Amino acid sequence: MTELIFKIVPRTEWESVGAEYHGSAHDKADGFLHFSTAPQLPETLRRYYAGQTDLMLVAVDAAALGAALKWEHSPSRGEDFPHLYGALPTSAVIWAKPVTDAIVAP
């Protein structure tokens, strides 16, 4: 079974992605791409994307990311989150859907 992790990306940013996604300004400042697991998504959306529209939820095969994917503890959330140290190859993407559609019917 494929373990999915999720990246939230503004639609216009995702539509311009080629073979790799290099992350948002926030990702670049932190030095890694932020991901969430399915159970972490509602709180991530509430905390970091409240009021934003036109977002895409990108589902990624965690195993396809290899050693560049690290699970690291977030003291503010009290749990481990997946962080990708490198660009996201679009070949690892399983699907991308508008956030409202994806949350209703993953």
C-alpha atoms as a PDB file:
ATOM      1  CA  MET A   1       0.000   0.000   0.000  1.00  0.00           C
ATOM      2  CA  THR A   2       1.231   3.475  -0.878  1.00  0.00           C
ATOM      3  CA  GLU A   3       1.665   5.858   2.028  1.00  0.00           C
ATOM      4  CA  LEU A   4       0.480   9.280   0.938  1.00  0.00           C
ATOM      5  CA  ILE A   5       1.704  12.581   2.287  1.00  0.00           C
ATOM      6  CA  PHE A   6       0.244  15.905   1.234  1.00  0.00           C
ATOM      7  CA  LYS A   7       1.489  19.301   0.100  1.00  0.00           C
ATOM      8  CA  ILE A   8      -0.780  22.354  -0.059  1.00  0.00           C
ATOM      9  CA  VAL A   9       0.111  24.621  -2.969  1.00  0.00           C
ATOM     10  CA  PRO A  10      -1.574  27.692  -4.493  1.00  0.00           C
ATOM     11  CA  ARG A  11      -3.181  26.651  -7.789  1.00  0.00           C
ATOM     12  CA  THR A  12      -1.259  29.182  -9.912  1.00  0.00           C
ATOM     13  CA  GLU A  13       2.030  27.965  -8.414  1.00  0.00           C
ATOM     14  CA  TRP A  14       1.166  24.304  -9.055  1.00  0.00           C
ATOM     15  CA  GLU A  15       0.029  24.945 -12.629  1.00  0.00           C
ATOM     16  CA  SER A  16       3.478  26.305 -13.506  1.00  0.00           C
ATOM     17  CA  VAL A  17       5.417  23.314 -12.102  1.00  0.00           C
ATOM     18  CA  GLY A  18       7.568  21.357 -14.499  1.00  0.00           C
ATOM     19  CA  ALA A  19       9.418  18.146 -13.599  1.00  0.00           C
ATOM     20  CA  GLU A  20      10.091  19.347 -10.039  1.00  0.00           C
ATOM     21  CA  TYR A  21       8.447  21.568  -7.448  1.00  0.00           C
ATOM     22  CA  HIS A  22      10.968  23.579  -5.458  1.00  0.00           C
ATOM     23  CA  GLY A  23       8.605  24.829  -2.769  1.00  0.00           C
ATOM     24  CA  SER A  24       7.040  28.019  -1.546  1.00  0.00           C
ATOM     25  CA  ALA A  25       8.942  30.995  -0.160  1.00  0.00           C
ATOM     26  CA  HIS A  26       8.253  29.566   3.332  1.00  0.00           C
ATOM     27  CA  ASP A  27       9.681  26.171   2.318  1.00  0.00           C
ATOM     28  CA  LYS A  28      12.775  27.800   0.838  1.00  0.00           C
ATOM     29  CA  ALA A  29      13.323  29.906   3.980  1.00  0.00           C
ATOM     30  CA  ASP A  30      13.108  26.776   6.163  1.00  0.00           C
ATOM     31  CA  GLY A  31      15.335  24.708   3.875  1.00  0.00           C
ATOM     32  CA  PHE A  32      12.798  21.936   3.230  1.00  0.00           C
ATOM     33  CA  LEU A  33       9.326  21.327   1.803  1.00  0.00           C
ATOM     34  CA  HIS A  34       6.587  21.014   4.414  1.00  0.00           C
ATOM     35  CA  PHE A  35       4.139  18.102   4.085  1.00  0.00           C
ATOM     36  CA  SER A  36       1.311  16.750   6.224  1.00  0.00           C
ATOM     37  CA  THR A  37      -0.261  13.356   6.725  1.00  0.00           C
ATOM     38  CA  ALA A  38      -4.004  12.971   6.108  1.00  0.00           C
ATOM     39  CA  PRO A  39      -4.885  13.319   9.831  1.00  0.00           C
ATOM     40  CA  GLN A  40      -2.706  16.461  10.062  1.00  0.00           C
ATOM     41  CA  LEU A  41      -4.348  18.226   7.096  1.00  0.00           C
ATOM     42  CA  PRO A  42      -7.329  19.912   8.814  1.00  0.00           C
ATOM     43  CA  GLU A  43      -5.126  21.611  11.424  1.00  0.00           C
ATOM     44  CA  THR A  44      -2.478  22.560   8.842  1.00  0.00           C
ATOM     45  CA  LEU A  45      -5.167  24.166   6.690  1.00  0.00           C
ATOM     46  CA  ARG A  46      -6.640  25.996   9.682  1.00  0.00           C
ATOM     47  CA  ARG A  47      -3.296  27.287  11.000  1.00  0.00           C
ATOM     48  CA  TYR A  48      -1.495  28.221   7.820  1.00  0.00           C
ATOM     49  CA  TYR A  49      -4.054  28.636   5.047  1.00  0.00           C
ATOM     50  CA  ALA A  50      -7.145  30.103   6.741  1.00  0.00           C
ATOM     51  CA  GLY A  51      -8.996  32.426   4.394  1.00  0.00           C
ATOM     52  CA  GLN A  52      -6.924  31.423   1.365  1.00  0.00           C
ATOM     53  CA  THR A  53      -8.697  30.174  -1.696  1.00  0.00           C
ATOM     54  CA  ASP A  54      -7.667  28.477  -4.909  1.00  0.00           C
ATOM     55  CA  LEU A  55      -5.385  25.965  -3.199  1.00  0.00           C
ATOM     56  CA  MET A  56      -4.377  22.556  -4.513  1.00  0.00           C
ATOM     57  CA  LEU A  57      -3.868  19.470  -2.391  1.00  0.00           C
ATOM     58  CA  VAL A  58      -1.049  17.406  -3.862  1.00  0.00           C
ATOM     59  CA  ALA A  59      -0.875  13.729  -2.846  1.00  0.00           C
ATOM     60  CA  VAL A  60       2.623  12.266  -2.939  1.00  0.00           C
ATOM     61  CA  ASP A  61       3.945   8.717  -2.623  1.00  0.00           C
ATOM     62  CA  ALA A  62       6.193   9.039   0.437  1.00  0.00           C
ATOM     63  CA  ALA A  63       8.325   6.005  -0.517  1.00  0.00           C
ATOM     64  CA  ALA A  64       9.165   7.558  -3.890  1.00  0.00           C
ATOM     65  CA  LEU A  65      11.015  10.392  -2.125  1.00  0.00           C
ATOM     66  CA  GLY A  66      13.688   8.135  -0.629  1.00  0.00           C
ATOM     67  CA  ALA A  67      16.187   9.357   1.935  1.00  0.00           C
ATOM     68  CA  ALA A  68      15.436  13.028   1.231  1.00  0.00           C
ATOM     69  CA  LEU A  69      12.180  12.620   3.213  1.00  0.00           C
ATOM     70  CA  LYS A  70      12.675  13.043   6.957  1.00  0.00           C
ATOM     71  CA  TRP A  71      10.075  12.733   9.706  1.00  0.00           C
ATOM     72  CA  GLU A  72      10.767  15.515  12.207  1.00  0.00           C
ATOM     73  CA  HIS A  73       9.116  16.551  15.437  1.00  0.00           C
ATOM     74  CA  SER A  74       7.226  19.855  15.528  1.00  0.00           C
ATOM     75  CA  PRO A  75       7.203  21.140  19.116  1.00  0.00           C
ATOM     76  CA  SER A  76       4.341  23.548  18.342  1.00  0.00           C
ATOM     77  CA  ARG A  77       2.138  20.681  17.107  1.00  0.00           C
ATOM     78  CA  GLY A  78       3.535  17.888  19.305  1.00  0.00           C
ATOM     79  CA  GLU A  79       3.881  15.370  16.471  1.00  0.00           C
ATOM     80  CA  ASP A  80       6.178  14.308  13.646  1.00  0.00           C
ATOM     81  CA  PHE A  81       5.772  15.845  10.193  1.00  0.00           C
ATOM     82  CA  PRO A  82       7.227  14.791   6.845  1.00  0.00           C
ATOM     83  CA  HIS A  83       9.834  17.218   5.502  1.00  0.00           C
ATOM     84  CA  LEU A  84      11.462  16.867   2.099  1.00  0.00           C
ATOM     85  CA  TYR A  85      15.058  18.062   1.816  1.00  0.00           C
ATOM     86  CA  GLY A  86      15.163  18.647  -1.910  1.00  0.00           C
ATOM     87  CA  ALA A  87      12.801  19.301  -4.776  1.00  0.00           C
ATOM     88  CA  LEU A  88       9.587  17.314  -5.167  1.00  0.00           C
ATOM     89  CA  PRO A  89       9.768  15.283  -8.380  1.00  0.00           C
ATOM     90  CA  THR A  90       6.372  15.375 -10.058  1.00  0.00           C
ATOM     91  CA  SER A  91       6.864  11.687 -10.856  1.00  0.00           C
ATOM     92  CA  ALA A  92       6.134  11.026  -7.135  1.00  0.00           C
ATOM     93  CA  VAL A  93       2.771  12.835  -7.328  1.00  0.00           C
ATOM     94  CA  ILE A  94      -0.241  10.499  -7.272  1.00  0.00           C
ATOM     95  CA  TRP A  95      -2.868  13.210  -7.764  1.00  0.00           C
ATOM     96  CA  ALA A  96      -3.557  16.921  -7.310  1.00  0.00           C
ATOM     97  CA  LYS A  97      -7.043  18.281  -6.596  1.00  0.00           C
ATOM     98  CA  PRO A  98      -8.546  21.560  -5.443  1.00  0.00           C
ATOM     99  CA  VAL A  99      -8.491  21.571  -1.644  1.00  0.00           C
ATOM    100  CA  THR A 100     -12.279  21.645  -1.242  1.00  0.00           C
ATOM    101  CA  ASP A 101     -12.767  18.679  -3.605  1.00  0.00           C
ATOM    102  CA  ALA A 102      -9.861  16.744  -2.098  1.00  0.00           C
ATOM    103  CA  ILE A 103     -11.030  17.154   1.496  1.00  0.00           C
ATOM    104  CA  VAL A 104     -14.554  16.070   0.630  1.00  0.00           C
ATOM    105  CA  ALA A 105     -13.483  13.113  -1.528  1.00  0.00           C
ATOM    106  CA  PRO A 106      -9.833  12.097  -1.148  1.00  0.00           C
END
